[in-house]
PDB file of all heavy atoms in Angstrom:
ATOM      1  N   ALA A   1       2.357  -6.872   6.087  1.00  0.00           N
ATOM      2  CA  ALA A   1       2.502  -7.027   7.558  1.00  0.00           C
ATOM      3  C   ALA A   1       1.536  -6.121   8.299  1.00  0.00           C
ATOM      4  O   ALA A   1       0.889  -6.529   9.240  1.00  0.00           O
ATOM      5  CB  ALA A   1       3.902  -6.684   7.956  1.00  0.00           C
ATOM      6  N   GLN A   2       1.332  -4.889   7.778  1.00  0.00           N
ATOM      7  CA  GLN A   2       0.360  -4.005   8.377  1.00  0.00           C
ATOM      8  C   GLN A   2      -1.078  -4.540   8.294  1.00  0.00           C
ATOM      9  O   GLN A   2      -1.847  -4.528   9.231  1.00  0.00           O
ATOM     10  CB  GLN A   2       0.367  -2.629   7.743  1.00  0.00           C
ATOM     11  CG  GLN A   2       1.573  -1.779   8.017  1.00  0.00           C
ATOM     12  CD  GLN A   2       1.603  -0.529   7.228  1.00  0.00           C
ATOM     13  OE1 GLN A   2       0.862  -0.323   6.260  1.00  0.00           O
ATOM     14  NE2 GLN A   2       2.541   0.370   7.547  1.00  0.00           N
ATOM     15  N   LEU A   3      -1.425  -5.115   7.103  1.00  0.00           N
ATOM     16  CA  LEU A   3      -2.724  -5.657   6.892  1.00  0.00           C
ATOM     17  C   LEU A   3      -2.944  -6.873   7.833  1.00  0.00           C
ATOM     18  O   LEU A   3      -4.016  -6.998   8.424  1.00  0.00           O
ATOM     19  CB  LEU A   3      -2.866  -6.115   5.433  1.00  0.00           C
ATOM     20  CG  LEU A   3      -4.167  -6.827   5.066  1.00  0.00           C
ATOM     21  CD1 LEU A   3      -5.385  -5.876   5.223  1.00  0.00           C
ATOM     22  CD2 LEU A   3      -4.121  -7.349   3.665  1.00  0.00           C
ATOM     23  N   ASN A   4      -1.928  -7.738   7.968  1.00  0.00           N
ATOM     24  CA  ASN A   4      -2.079  -8.894   8.824  1.00  0.00           C
ATOM     25  C   ASN A   4      -2.147  -8.609  10.268  1.00  0.00           C
ATOM     26  O   ASN A   4      -2.615  -9.368  11.076  1.00  0.00           O
ATOM     27  CB  ASN A   4      -0.995  -9.917   8.491  1.00  0.00           C
ATOM     28  CG  ASN A   4      -1.213 -10.592   7.162  1.00  0.00           C
ATOM     29  OD1 ASN A   4      -2.295 -10.732   6.668  1.00  0.00           O
ATOM     30  ND2 ASN A   4      -0.134 -11.009   6.530  1.00  0.00           N
ATOM     31  N   SER A   5      -1.582  -7.440  10.688  1.00  0.00           N
ATOM     32  CA  SER A   5      -1.579  -7.097  12.129  1.00  0.00           C
ATOM     33  C   SER A   5      -2.853  -6.290  12.522  1.00  0.00           C
ATOM     34  O   SER A   5      -3.073  -6.084  13.723  1.00  0.00           O
ATOM     35  CB  SER A   5      -0.368  -6.330  12.488  1.00  0.00           C
ATOM     36  OG  SER A   5      -0.327  -5.074  11.758  1.00  0.00           O
ATOM     37  N   LYS A   6      -3.698  -5.912  11.571  1.00  0.00           N
ATOM     38  CA  LYS A   6      -4.887  -5.159  11.887  1.00  0.00           C
ATOM     39  C   LYS A   6      -5.952  -6.086  12.416  1.00  0.00           C
ATOM     40  O   LYS A   6      -6.083  -7.288  11.977  1.00  0.00           O
ATOM     41  CB  LYS A   6      -5.465  -4.505  10.585  1.00  0.00           C
ATOM     42  CG  LYS A   6      -4.705  -3.273  10.181  1.00  0.00           C
ATOM     43  CD  LYS A   6      -5.321  -2.760   8.852  1.00  0.00           C
ATOM     44  CE  LYS A   6      -6.803  -2.609   9.005  1.00  0.00           C
ATOM     45  NZ  LYS A   6      -7.432  -1.981   7.866  1.00  0.00           N
ATOM     46  N   THR A   7      -6.776  -5.605  13.329  1.00  0.00           N
ATOM     47  CA  THR A   7      -7.957  -6.361  13.752  1.00  0.00           C
ATOM     48  C   THR A   7      -9.133  -5.849  12.956  1.00  0.00           C
ATOM     49  O   THR A   7      -9.212  -4.721  12.517  1.00  0.00           O
ATOM     50  CB  THR A   7      -8.204  -6.173  15.255  1.00  0.00           C
ATOM     51  OG1 THR A   7      -8.377  -4.771  15.498  1.00  0.00           O
ATOM     52  CG2 THR A   7      -7.091  -6.699  16.067  1.00  0.00           C
ATOM     53  N   SER A   8     -10.092  -6.752  12.737  1.00  0.00           N
ATOM     54  CA  SER A   8     -11.279  -6.381  11.948  1.00  0.00           C
ATOM     55  C   SER A   8     -12.490  -6.209  12.894  1.00  0.00           C
ATOM     56  O   SER A   8     -12.382  -6.441  14.123  1.00  0.00           O
ATOM     57  CB  SER A   8     -11.570  -7.441  10.930  1.00  0.00           C
ATOM     58  OG  SER A   8     -11.952  -8.670  11.568  1.00  0.00           O
ATOM     59  N   LYS A   9     -13.580  -5.779  12.316  1.00  0.00           N
ATOM     60  CA  LYS A   9     -14.788  -5.573  13.138  1.00  0.00           C
ATOM     61  C   LYS A   9     -15.337  -6.896  13.667  1.00  0.00           C
ATOM     62  O   LYS A   9     -15.859  -6.952  14.781  1.00  0.00           O
ATOM     63  CB  LYS A   9     -15.859  -4.913  12.302  1.00  0.00           C
ATOM     64  CG  LYS A   9     -15.548  -3.529  11.882  1.00  0.00           C
ATOM     65  CD  LYS A   9     -16.602  -2.927  11.010  1.00  0.00           C
ATOM     66  CE  LYS A   9     -16.144  -1.535  10.468  1.00  0.00           C
ATOM     67  NZ  LYS A   9     -17.225  -1.023   9.538  1.00  0.00           N
ATOM     68  N   SER A  10     -15.263  -7.934  12.875  1.00  0.00           N
ATOM     69  CA  SER A  10     -15.862  -9.212  13.287  1.00  0.00           C
ATOM     70  C   SER A  10     -14.969 -10.082  14.154  1.00  0.00           C
ATOM     71  O   SER A  10     -15.391 -10.940  14.830  1.00  0.00           O
ATOM     72  CB  SER A  10     -16.318  -9.989  12.028  1.00  0.00           C
ATOM     73  OG  SER A  10     -15.191 -10.182  11.172  1.00  0.00           O
ATOM     74  N   TYR A  11     -13.591  -9.877  14.107  1.00  0.00           N
ATOM     75  CA  TYR A  11     -12.672 -10.609  14.934  1.00  0.00           C
ATOM     76  C   TYR A  11     -11.961  -9.685  15.847  1.00  0.00           C
ATOM     77  O   TYR A  11     -11.510  -8.589  15.491  1.00  0.00           O
ATOM     78  CB  TYR A  11     -11.645 -11.317  14.064  1.00  0.00           C
ATOM     79  CG  TYR A  11     -12.227 -12.463  13.184  1.00  0.00           C
ATOM     80  CD1 TYR A  11     -12.418 -12.345  11.859  1.00  0.00           C
ATOM     81  CD2 TYR A  11     -12.616 -13.690  13.833  1.00  0.00           C
ATOM     82  CE1 TYR A  11     -12.942 -13.345  11.114  1.00  0.00           C
ATOM     83  CE2 TYR A  11     -13.192 -14.684  13.055  1.00  0.00           C
ATOM     84  CZ  TYR A  11     -13.281 -14.525  11.701  1.00  0.00           C
ATOM     85  OH  TYR A  11     -13.795 -15.538  10.964  1.00  0.00           O
ATOM     86  N   THR A  12     -11.754 -10.085  17.100  1.00  0.00           N
ATOM     87  CA  THR A  12     -10.988  -9.264  18.025  1.00  0.00           C
ATOM     88  C   THR A  12      -9.510  -9.474  17.904  1.00  0.00           C
ATOM     89  O   THR A  12      -8.731  -8.736  18.492  1.00  0.00           O
ATOM     90  CB  THR A  12     -11.455  -9.556  19.452  1.00  0.00           C
ATOM     91  OG1 THR A  12     -11.248 -10.923  19.721  1.00  0.00           O
ATOM     92  CG2 THR A  12     -12.918  -9.229  19.638  1.00  0.00           C
ATOM     93  N   LYS A  13      -9.107 -10.515  17.189  1.00  0.00           N
ATOM     94  CA  LYS A  13      -7.708 -10.772  17.008  1.00  0.00           C
ATOM     95  C   LYS A  13      -7.288 -10.568  15.516  1.00  0.00           C
ATOM     96  O   LYS A  13      -8.122 -10.763  14.625  1.00  0.00           O
ATOM     97  CB  LYS A  13      -7.354 -12.246  17.371  1.00  0.00           C
ATOM     98  CG  LYS A  13      -7.594 -12.499  18.829  1.00  0.00           C
ATOM     99  CD  LYS A  13      -7.258 -13.938  19.177  1.00  0.00           C
ATOM    100  CE  LYS A  13      -7.506 -14.231  20.661  1.00  0.00           C
ATOM    101  NZ  LYS A  13      -7.233 -15.619  20.992  1.00  0.00           N
ATOM    102  N   SER A  14      -6.031 -10.215  15.296  1.00  0.00           N
ATOM    103  CA  SER A  14      -5.590  -9.996  13.981  1.00  0.00           C
ATOM    104  C   SER A  14      -5.341 -11.289  13.232  1.00  0.00           C
ATOM    105  O   SER A  14      -5.271 -12.352  13.894  1.00  0.00           O
ATOM    106  CB  SER A  14      -4.277  -9.183  13.986  1.00  0.00           C
ATOM    107  OG  SER A  14      -3.233  -9.935  14.531  1.00  0.00           O
ATOM    108  N   ARG A  15      -5.107 -11.253  11.943  1.00  0.00           N
ATOM    109  CA  ARG A  15      -4.784 -12.455  11.189  1.00  0.00           C
ATOM    110  C   ARG A  15      -3.528 -13.053  11.687  1.00  0.00           C
ATOM    111  O   ARG A  15      -3.328 -14.272  11.737  1.00  0.00           O
ATOM    112  CB  ARG A  15      -4.703 -12.129   9.663  1.00  0.00           C
ATOM    113  CG  ARG A  15      -6.003 -11.820   9.058  1.00  0.00           C
ATOM    114  CD  ARG A  15      -5.771 -11.505   7.539  1.00  0.00           C
ATOM    115  NE  ARG A  15      -7.001 -11.063   6.945  1.00  0.00           N
ATOM    116  CZ  ARG A  15      -7.478  -9.849   6.995  1.00  0.00           C
ATOM    117  NH1 ARG A  15      -6.844  -8.902   7.559  1.00  0.00           N
ATOM    118  NH2 ARG A  15      -8.665  -9.562   6.423  1.00  0.00           N
ATOM    119  N   LEU A  16      -2.526 -12.204  12.024  1.00  0.00           N
ATOM    120  CA  LEU A  16      -1.222 -12.679  12.524  1.00  0.00           C
ATOM    121  C   LEU A  16      -1.430 -13.467  13.818  1.00  0.00           C
ATOM    122  O   LEU A  16      -0.874 -14.498  14.012  1.00  0.00           O
ATOM    123  CB  LEU A  16      -0.252 -11.558  12.676  1.00  0.00           C
ATOM    124  CG  LEU A  16       1.147 -11.915  13.143  1.00  0.00           C
ATOM    125  CD1 LEU A  16       1.807 -12.872  12.168  1.00  0.00           C
ATOM    126  CD2 LEU A  16       1.989 -10.681  13.341  1.00  0.00           C
ATOM    127  N   GLN A  17      -2.215 -12.934  14.730  1.00  0.00           N
ATOM    128  CA  GLN A  17      -2.475 -13.571  16.032  1.00  0.00           C
ATOM    129  C   GLN A  17      -3.161 -14.865  15.848  1.00  0.00           C
ATOM    130  O   GLN A  17      -2.798 -15.932  16.471  1.00  0.00           O
ATOM    131  CB  GLN A  17      -3.335 -12.678  16.968  1.00  0.00           C
ATOM    132  CG  GLN A  17      -2.575 -11.507  17.465  1.00  0.00           C
ATOM    133  CD  GLN A  17      -3.515 -10.523  18.168  1.00  0.00           C
ATOM    134  OE1 GLN A  17      -4.657 -10.301  17.741  1.00  0.00           O
ATOM    135  NE2 GLN A  17      -3.021  -9.875  19.240  1.00  0.00           N
ATOM    136  N   ARG A  18      -4.153 -14.984  14.941  1.00  0.00           N
ATOM    137  CA  ARG A  18      -4.831 -16.200  14.677  1.00  0.00           C
ATOM    138  C   ARG A  18      -3.872 -17.253  14.020  1.00  0.00           C
ATOM    139  O   ARG A  18      -3.935 -18.433  14.355  1.00  0.00           O
ATOM    140  CB  ARG A  18      -6.055 -15.987  13.821  1.00  0.00           C
ATOM    141  CG  ARG A  18      -7.175 -15.272  14.598  1.00  0.00           C
ATOM    142  CD  ARG A  18      -8.434 -15.148  13.825  1.00  0.00           C
ATOM    143  NE  ARG A  18      -8.233 -14.028  12.874  1.00  0.00           N
ATOM    144  CZ  ARG A  18      -8.912 -13.934  11.723  1.00  0.00           C
ATOM    145  NH1 ARG A  18      -9.829 -14.846  11.354  1.00  0.00           N
ATOM    146  NH2 ARG A  18      -8.676 -12.941  10.910  1.00  0.00           N
ATOM    147  N   PHE A  19      -3.047 -16.777  13.128  1.00  0.00           N
ATOM    148  CA  PHE A  19      -2.035 -17.696  12.476  1.00  0.00           C
ATOM    149  C   PHE A  19      -1.118 -18.258  13.582  1.00  0.00           C
ATOM    150  O   PHE A  19      -0.847 -19.485  13.595  1.00  0.00           O
ATOM    151  CB  PHE A  19      -1.216 -16.929  11.467  1.00  0.00           C
ATOM    152  CG  PHE A  19      -0.049 -17.670  10.960  1.00  0.00           C
ATOM    153  CD1 PHE A  19      -0.147 -18.704  10.088  1.00  0.00           C
ATOM    154  CD2 PHE A  19       1.208 -17.348  11.413  1.00  0.00           C
ATOM    155  CE1 PHE A  19       0.943 -19.415   9.611  1.00  0.00           C
ATOM    156  CE2 PHE A  19       2.340 -18.030  10.980  1.00  0.00           C
ATOM    157  CZ  PHE A  19       2.167 -19.110  10.108  1.00  0.00           C
ATOM    158  N   GLU A  20      -0.642 -17.424  14.475  1.00  0.00           N
ATOM    159  CA  GLU A  20       0.292 -17.903  15.516  1.00  0.00           C
ATOM    160  C   GLU A  20      -0.370 -18.917  16.435  1.00  0.00           C
ATOM    161  O   GLU A  20       0.196 -19.894  16.794  1.00  0.00           O
ATOM    162  CB  GLU A  20       0.822 -16.704  16.344  1.00  0.00           C
ATOM    163  CG  GLU A  20       1.694 -15.755  15.611  1.00  0.00           C
ATOM    164  CD  GLU A  20       3.024 -16.323  15.235  1.00  0.00           C
ATOM    165  OE1 GLU A  20       3.442 -17.377  15.803  1.00  0.00           O
ATOM    166  OE2 GLU A  20       3.677 -15.710  14.362  1.00  0.00           O
ATOM    167  N   GLU A  21      -1.662 -18.714  16.807  1.00  0.00           N
ATOM    168  CA  GLU A  21      -2.384 -19.632  17.659  1.00  0.00           C
ATOM    169  C   GLU A  21      -2.783 -20.894  17.045  1.00  0.00           C
ATOM    170  O   GLU A  21      -2.726 -21.955  17.644  1.00  0.00           O
ATOM    171  CB  GLU A  21      -3.620 -18.924  18.204  1.00  0.00           C
ATOM    172  CG  GLU A  21      -3.321 -17.786  19.164  1.00  0.00           C
ATOM    173  CD  GLU A  21      -4.562 -17.031  19.633  1.00  0.00           C
ATOM    174  OE1 GLU A  21      -5.648 -17.475  19.260  1.00  0.00           O
ATOM    175  OE2 GLU A  21      -4.421 -16.047  20.361  1.00  0.00           O
ATOM    176  N   LEU A  22      -3.278 -20.800  15.757  1.00  0.00           N
ATOM    177  CA  LEU A  22      -3.861 -21.972  15.133  1.00  0.00           C
ATOM    178  C   LEU A  22      -2.942 -22.736  14.170  1.00  0.00           C
ATOM    179  O   LEU A  22      -2.977 -23.985  14.143  1.00  0.00           O
ATOM    180  CB  LEU A  22      -5.123 -21.535  14.373  1.00  0.00           C
ATOM    181  CG  LEU A  22      -6.229 -20.854  15.206  1.00  0.00           C
ATOM    182  CD1 LEU A  22      -7.364 -20.357  14.333  1.00  0.00           C
ATOM    183  CD2 LEU A  22      -6.744 -21.861  16.249  1.00  0.00           C
ATOM    184  N   ASP A  23      -2.202 -22.023  13.370  1.00  0.00           N
ATOM    185  CA  ASP A  23      -1.524 -22.665  12.242  1.00  0.00           C
ATOM    186  C   ASP A  23      -0.032 -22.917  12.432  1.00  0.00           C
ATOM    187  O   ASP A  23       0.517 -23.841  11.878  1.00  0.00           O
ATOM    188  CB  ASP A  23      -1.753 -21.824  10.932  1.00  0.00           C
ATOM    189  CG  ASP A  23      -3.187 -21.790  10.554  1.00  0.00           C
ATOM    190  OD1 ASP A  23      -3.931 -22.728  10.846  1.00  0.00           O
ATOM    191  OD2 ASP A  23      -3.596 -20.765   9.979  1.00  0.00           O
ATOM    192  N   ARG A  24       0.651 -22.044  13.130  1.00  0.00           N
ATOM    193  CA  ARG A  24       2.125 -22.118  13.181  1.00  0.00           C
ATOM    194  C   ARG A  24       2.620 -23.511  13.642  1.00  0.00           C
ATOM    195  O   ARG A  24       3.547 -23.992  13.075  1.00  0.00           O
ATOM    196  CB  ARG A  24       2.658 -21.015  14.097  1.00  0.00           C
ATOM    197  CG  ARG A  24       4.164 -21.226  14.378  1.00  0.00           C
ATOM    198  CD  ARG A  24       5.135 -20.248  14.066  1.00  0.00           C
ATOM    199  NE  ARG A  24       4.944 -18.901  13.718  1.00  0.00           N
ATOM    200  CZ  ARG A  24       5.487 -18.387  12.672  1.00  0.00           C
ATOM    201  NH1 ARG A  24       6.283 -19.108  11.901  1.00  0.00           N
ATOM    202  NH2 ARG A  24       5.289 -17.098  12.353  1.00  0.00           N
ATOM    203  N   GLN A  25       1.966 -24.045  14.697  1.00  0.00           N
ATOM    204  CA  GLN A  25       2.513 -25.328  15.250  1.00  0.00           C
ATOM    205  C   GLN A  25       2.268 -26.497  14.277  1.00  0.00           C
ATOM    206  O   GLN A  25       2.912 -27.493  14.386  1.00  0.00           O
ATOM    207  CB  GLN A  25       1.903 -25.644  16.649  1.00  0.00           C
ATOM    208  CG  GLN A  25       0.406 -25.819  16.626  1.00  0.00           C
ATOM    209  CD  GLN A  25      -0.348 -24.556  16.923  1.00  0.00           C
ATOM    210  OE1 GLN A  25       0.210 -23.508  16.904  1.00  0.00           O
ATOM    211  NE2 GLN A  25      -1.614 -24.682  17.269  1.00  0.00           N
ATOM    212  N   ALA A  26       1.390 -26.322  13.313  1.00  0.00           N
ATOM    213  CA  ALA A  26       1.137 -27.414  12.335  1.00  0.00           C
ATOM    214  C   ALA A  26       2.025 -27.380  11.126  1.00  0.00           C
ATOM    215  O   ALA A  26       2.042 -28.290  10.351  1.00  0.00           O
ATOM    216  CB  ALA A  26      -0.331 -27.391  11.901  1.00  0.00           C
ATOM    217  N   LEU A  27       2.811 -26.286  10.946  1.00  0.00           N
ATOM    218  CA  LEU A  27       3.606 -26.128   9.797  1.00  0.00           C
ATOM    219  C   LEU A  27       4.849 -27.082   9.834  1.00  0.00           C
ATOM    220  O   LEU A  27       5.390 -27.333  10.911  1.00  0.00           O
ATOM    221  CB  LEU A  27       4.117 -24.709   9.635  1.00  0.00           C
ATOM    222  CG  LEU A  27       3.098 -23.649   9.278  1.00  0.00           C
ATOM    223  CD1 LEU A  27       3.721 -22.294   9.247  1.00  0.00           C
ATOM    224  CD2 LEU A  27       2.481 -23.947   7.958  1.00  0.00           C
ATOM    225  N   LEU A  28       5.198 -27.599   8.674  1.00  0.00           N
ATOM    226  CA  LEU A  28       6.343 -28.447   8.512  1.00  0.00           C
ATOM    227  C   LEU A  28       7.454 -27.655   7.746  1.00  0.00           C
ATOM    228  O   LEU A  28       7.175 -26.782   7.002  1.00  0.00           O
ATOM    229  CB  LEU A  28       6.004 -29.737   7.731  1.00  0.00           C
ATOM    230  CG  LEU A  28       4.951 -30.596   8.351  1.00  0.00           C
ATOM    231  CD1 LEU A  28       4.603 -31.740   7.347  1.00  0.00           C
ATOM    232  CD2 LEU A  28       5.410 -31.173   9.635  1.00  0.00           C
ATOM    233  N   PRO A  29       8.745 -27.989   7.962  1.00  0.00           N
ATOM    234  CA  PRO A  29       9.800 -27.342   7.166  1.00  0.00           C
ATOM    235  C   PRO A  29       9.653 -27.703   5.706  1.00  0.00           C
ATOM    236  O   PRO A  29       9.133 -28.826   5.338  1.00  0.00           O
ATOM    237  CB  PRO A  29      11.075 -27.814   7.799  1.00  0.00           C
ATOM    238  CG  PRO A  29      10.702 -29.126   8.501  1.00  0.00           C
ATOM    239  CD  PRO A  29       9.264 -28.981   8.899  1.00  0.00           C
ATOM    240  N   LEU A  30      10.104 -26.841   4.812  1.00  0.00           N
ATOM    241  CA  LEU A  30      10.082 -27.118   3.434  1.00  0.00           C
ATOM    242  C   LEU A  30      11.084 -28.182   3.055  1.00  0.00           C
ATOM    243  O   LEU A  30      12.121 -28.285   3.699  1.00  0.00           O
ATOM    244  CB  LEU A  30      10.378 -25.838   2.589  1.00  0.00           C
ATOM    245  CG  LEU A  30       9.288 -24.782   2.597  1.00  0.00           C
ATOM    246  CD1 LEU A  30       9.798 -23.521   1.865  1.00  0.00           C
ATOM    247  CD2 LEU A  30       8.036 -25.277   1.938  1.00  0.00           C
ATOM    248  N   PRO A  31      10.835 -28.961   1.986  1.00  0.00           N
ATOM    249  CA  PRO A  31      11.851 -29.962   1.585  1.00  0.00           C
ATOM    250  C   PRO A  31      13.126 -29.306   1.192  1.00  0.00           C
ATOM    251  O   PRO A  31      13.118 -28.127   0.730  1.00  0.00           O
ATOM    252  CB  PRO A  31      11.155 -30.678   0.392  1.00  0.00           C
ATOM    253  CG  PRO A  31       9.767 -30.274   0.403  1.00  0.00           C
ATOM    254  CD  PRO A  31       9.645 -29.030   1.190  1.00  0.00           C
ATOM    255  N   ALA A  32      14.265 -30.022   1.214  1.00  0.00           N
ATOM    256  CA  ALA A  32      15.550 -29.445   0.832  1.00  0.00           C
ATOM    257  C   ALA A  32      15.602 -29.061  -0.613  1.00  0.00           C
ATOM    258  O   ALA A  32      16.205 -28.043  -0.989  1.00  0.00           O
ATOM    259  CB  ALA A  32      16.648 -30.414   1.239  1.00  0.00           C
ATOM    260  N   GLU A  33      14.975 -29.865  -1.448  1.00  0.00           N
ATOM    261  CA  GLU A  33      15.030 -29.608  -2.906  1.00  0.00           C
ATOM    262  C   GLU A  33      13.725 -28.991  -3.391  1.00  0.00           C
ATOM    263  O   GLU A  33      12.625 -29.359  -2.829  1.00  0.00           O
ATOM    264  CB  GLU A  33      15.379 -30.864  -3.747  1.00  0.00           C
ATOM    265  CG  GLU A  33      14.339 -31.951  -3.649  1.00  0.00           C
ATOM    266  CD  GLU A  33      14.461 -32.823  -2.424  1.00  0.00           C
ATOM    267  OE1 GLU A  33      15.451 -32.780  -1.712  1.00  0.00           O
ATOM    268  OE2 GLU A  33      13.516 -33.595  -2.148  1.00  0.00           O
ATOM    269  N   ARG A  34      13.781 -28.136  -4.390  1.00  0.00           N
ATOM    270  CA  ARG A  34      12.604 -27.519  -4.909  1.00  0.00           C
ATOM    271  C   ARG A  34      11.806 -28.515  -5.770  1.00  0.00           C
ATOM    272  O   ARG A  34      12.388 -29.437  -6.353  1.00  0.00           O
ATOM    273  CB  ARG A  34      12.958 -26.331  -5.813  1.00  0.00           C
ATOM    274  CG  ARG A  34      13.597 -25.147  -4.951  1.00  0.00           C
ATOM    275  CD  ARG A  34      14.021 -24.070  -5.819  1.00  0.00           C
ATOM    276  NE  ARG A  34      12.799 -23.371  -6.252  1.00  0.00           N
ATOM    277  CZ  ARG A  34      12.788 -22.202  -6.850  1.00  0.00           C
ATOM    278  NH1 ARG A  34      13.902 -21.609  -7.148  1.00  0.00           N
ATOM    279  NH2 ARG A  34      11.656 -21.618  -7.142  1.00  0.00           N
ATOM    280  N   HIS A  35      10.539 -28.245  -5.975  1.00  0.00           N
ATOM    281  CA  HIS A  35       9.734 -29.077  -6.831  1.00  0.00           C
ATOM    282  C   HIS A  35      10.016 -28.738  -8.289  1.00  0.00           C
ATOM    283  O   HIS A  35      10.146 -27.614  -8.617  1.00  0.00           O
ATOM    284  CB  HIS A  35       8.225 -28.807  -6.534  1.00  0.00           C
ATOM    285  CG  HIS A  35       7.326 -29.454  -7.499  1.00  0.00           C
ATOM    286  ND1 HIS A  35       7.122 -30.767  -7.547  1.00  0.00           N
ATOM    287  CD2 HIS A  35       6.518 -28.941  -8.448  1.00  0.00           C
ATOM    288  CE1 HIS A  35       6.235 -31.102  -8.496  1.00  0.00           C
ATOM    289  NE2 HIS A  35       5.898 -29.968  -9.056  1.00  0.00           N
ATOM    290  N   GLU A  36      10.175 -29.766  -9.098  1.00  0.00           N
ATOM    291  CA  GLU A  36      10.398 -29.604 -10.510  1.00  0.00           C
ATOM    292  C   GLU A  36       9.071 -29.816 -11.225  1.00  0.00           C
ATOM    293  O   GLU A  36       8.458 -30.897 -11.045  1.00  0.00           O
ATOM    294  CB  GLU A  36      11.482 -30.546 -11.017  1.00  0.00           C
ATOM    295  CG  GLU A  36      12.855 -30.206 -10.552  1.00  0.00           C
ATOM    296  CD  GLU A  36      13.950 -31.118 -11.190  1.00  0.00           C
ATOM    297  OE1 GLU A  36      13.699 -31.583 -12.296  1.00  0.00           O
ATOM    298  OE2 GLU A  36      14.935 -31.256 -10.557  1.00  0.00           O
ATOM    299  N   LEU A  37       8.709 -28.881 -12.065  1.00  0.00           N
ATOM    300  CA  LEU A  37       7.444 -28.940 -12.759  1.00  0.00           C
ATOM    301  C   LEU A  37       7.500 -30.072 -13.821  1.00  0.00           C
ATOM    302  O   LEU A  37       8.485 -30.180 -14.588  1.00  0.00           O
ATOM    303  CB  LEU A  37       7.165 -27.586 -13.434  1.00  0.00           C
ATOM    304  CG  LEU A  37       5.836 -27.480 -14.153  1.00  0.00           C
ATOM    305  CD1 LEU A  37       4.687 -27.677 -13.146  1.00  0.00           C
ATOM    306  CD2 LEU A  37       5.746 -26.132 -14.859  1.00  0.00           C
ATOM    307  N   SER A  38       6.516 -30.897 -13.878  1.00  0.00           N
ATOM    308  CA  SER A  38       6.412 -31.958 -14.828  1.00  0.00           C
ATOM    309  C   SER A  38       5.434 -31.596 -15.955  1.00  0.00           C
ATOM    310  O   SER A  38       4.538 -30.805 -15.795  1.00  0.00           O
ATOM    311  CB  SER A  38       5.869 -33.218 -14.181  1.00  0.00           C
ATOM    312  OG  SER A  38       6.629 -33.607 -13.073  1.00  0.00           O
ATOM    313  N   HIS A  39       5.746 -32.147 -17.097  1.00  0.00           N
ATOM    314  CA  HIS A  39       4.823 -31.902 -18.256  1.00  0.00           C
ATOM    315  C   HIS A  39       4.224 -33.249 -18.647  1.00  0.00           C
ATOM    316  O   HIS A  39       4.962 -34.165 -18.937  1.00  0.00           O
ATOM    317  CB  HIS A  39       5.637 -31.327 -19.418  1.00  0.00           C
ATOM    318  CG  HIS A  39       4.807 -31.076 -20.617  1.00  0.00           C
ATOM    319  ND1 HIS A  39       3.871 -30.052 -20.730  1.00  0.00           N
ATOM    320  CD2 HIS A  39       4.708 -31.737 -21.799  1.00  0.00           C
ATOM    321  CE1 HIS A  39       3.287 -30.059 -21.888  1.00  0.00           C
ATOM    322  NE2 HIS A  39       3.753 -31.154 -22.549  1.00  0.00           N
ATOM    323  N   TRP A  40       2.882 -33.342 -18.553  1.00  0.00           N
ATOM    324  CA  TRP A  40       2.242 -34.614 -18.794  1.00  0.00           C
ATOM    325  C   TRP A  40       1.512 -34.501 -20.179  1.00  0.00           C
ATOM    326  O   TRP A  40       0.844 -33.556 -20.472  1.00  0.00           O
ATOM    327  CB  TRP A  40       1.199 -34.874 -17.723  1.00  0.00           C
ATOM    328  CG  TRP A  40       1.840 -35.086 -16.378  1.00  0.00           C
ATOM    329  CD1 TRP A  40       2.107 -34.142 -15.459  1.00  0.00           C
ATOM    330  CD2 TRP A  40       2.273 -36.295 -15.819  1.00  0.00           C
ATOM    331  NE1 TRP A  40       2.718 -34.679 -14.353  1.00  0.00           N
ATOM    332  CE2 TRP A  40       2.799 -35.984 -14.550  1.00  0.00           C
ATOM    333  CE3 TRP A  40       2.235 -37.627 -16.243  1.00  0.00           C
ATOM    334  CZ2 TRP A  40       3.327 -36.984 -13.734  1.00  0.00           C
ATOM    335  CZ3 TRP A  40       2.804 -38.585 -15.438  1.00  0.00           C
ATOM    336  CH2 TRP A  40       3.319 -38.293 -14.192  1.00  0.00           C
ATOM    337  N   GLN A  41       1.684 -35.616 -20.954  1.00  0.00           N
ATOM    338  CA  GLN A  41       0.935 -35.690 -22.210  1.00  0.00           C
ATOM    339  C   GLN A  41       0.131 -37.021 -22.144  1.00  0.00           C
ATOM    340  O   GLN A  41       0.685 -38.019 -21.754  1.00  0.00           O
ATOM    341  CB  GLN A  41       1.891 -35.769 -23.401  1.00  0.00           C
ATOM    342  CG  GLN A  41       2.469 -34.449 -23.725  1.00  0.00           C
ATOM    343  CD  GLN A  41       3.337 -34.530 -25.025  1.00  0.00           C
ATOM    344  OE1 GLN A  41       4.489 -34.966 -24.928  1.00  0.00           O
ATOM    345  NE2 GLN A  41       2.785 -34.105 -26.090  1.00  0.00           N
ATOM    346  N   TYR A  42      -1.067 -36.925 -22.579  1.00  0.00           N
ATOM    347  CA  TYR A  42      -1.925 -38.141 -22.572  1.00  0.00           C
ATOM    348  C   TYR A  42      -2.297 -38.547 -23.974  1.00  0.00           C
ATOM    349  O   TYR A  42      -2.275 -37.749 -24.857  1.00  0.00           O
ATOM    350  CB  TYR A  42      -3.203 -37.828 -21.701  1.00  0.00           C
ATOM    351  CG  TYR A  42      -2.902 -37.528 -20.293  1.00  0.00           C
ATOM    352  CD1 TYR A  42      -2.869 -36.178 -19.889  1.00  0.00           C
ATOM    353  CD2 TYR A  42      -2.631 -38.451 -19.376  1.00  0.00           C
ATOM    354  CE1 TYR A  42      -2.540 -35.796 -18.587  1.00  0.00           C
ATOM    355  CE2 TYR A  42      -2.360 -38.158 -18.048  1.00  0.00           C
ATOM    356  CZ  TYR A  42      -2.318 -36.807 -17.646  1.00  0.00           C
ATOM    357  OH  TYR A  42      -2.039 -36.497 -16.372  1.00  0.00           O
ATOM    358  N   ASN A  43      -2.634 -39.809 -24.125  1.00  0.00           N
ATOM    359  CA  ASN A  43      -3.041 -40.369 -25.455  1.00  0.00           C
ATOM    360  C   ASN A  43      -2.044 -40.143 -26.499  1.00  0.00           C
ATOM    361  O   ASN A  43      -2.357 -39.777 -27.611  1.00  0.00           O
ATOM    362  CB  ASN A  43      -4.405 -39.775 -25.809  1.00  0.00           C
ATOM    363  CG  ASN A  43      -5.509 -40.053 -24.782  1.00  0.00           C
ATOM    364  OD1 ASN A  43      -5.519 -41.116 -24.163  1.00  0.00           O
ATOM    365  ND2 ASN A  43      -6.345 -39.093 -24.597  1.00  0.00           N
TER     366      ASN A  43
END
């Protein structure tokens, strides 16, 4: 959390601020069930 709230020399906004502005509104909720890993065998 500290790392994400820091501003860098090249950006005036922190990673957290950029995430809130650009990415948060595009996120979808996770599916209700977890993904089950499949094992594939070929030939």
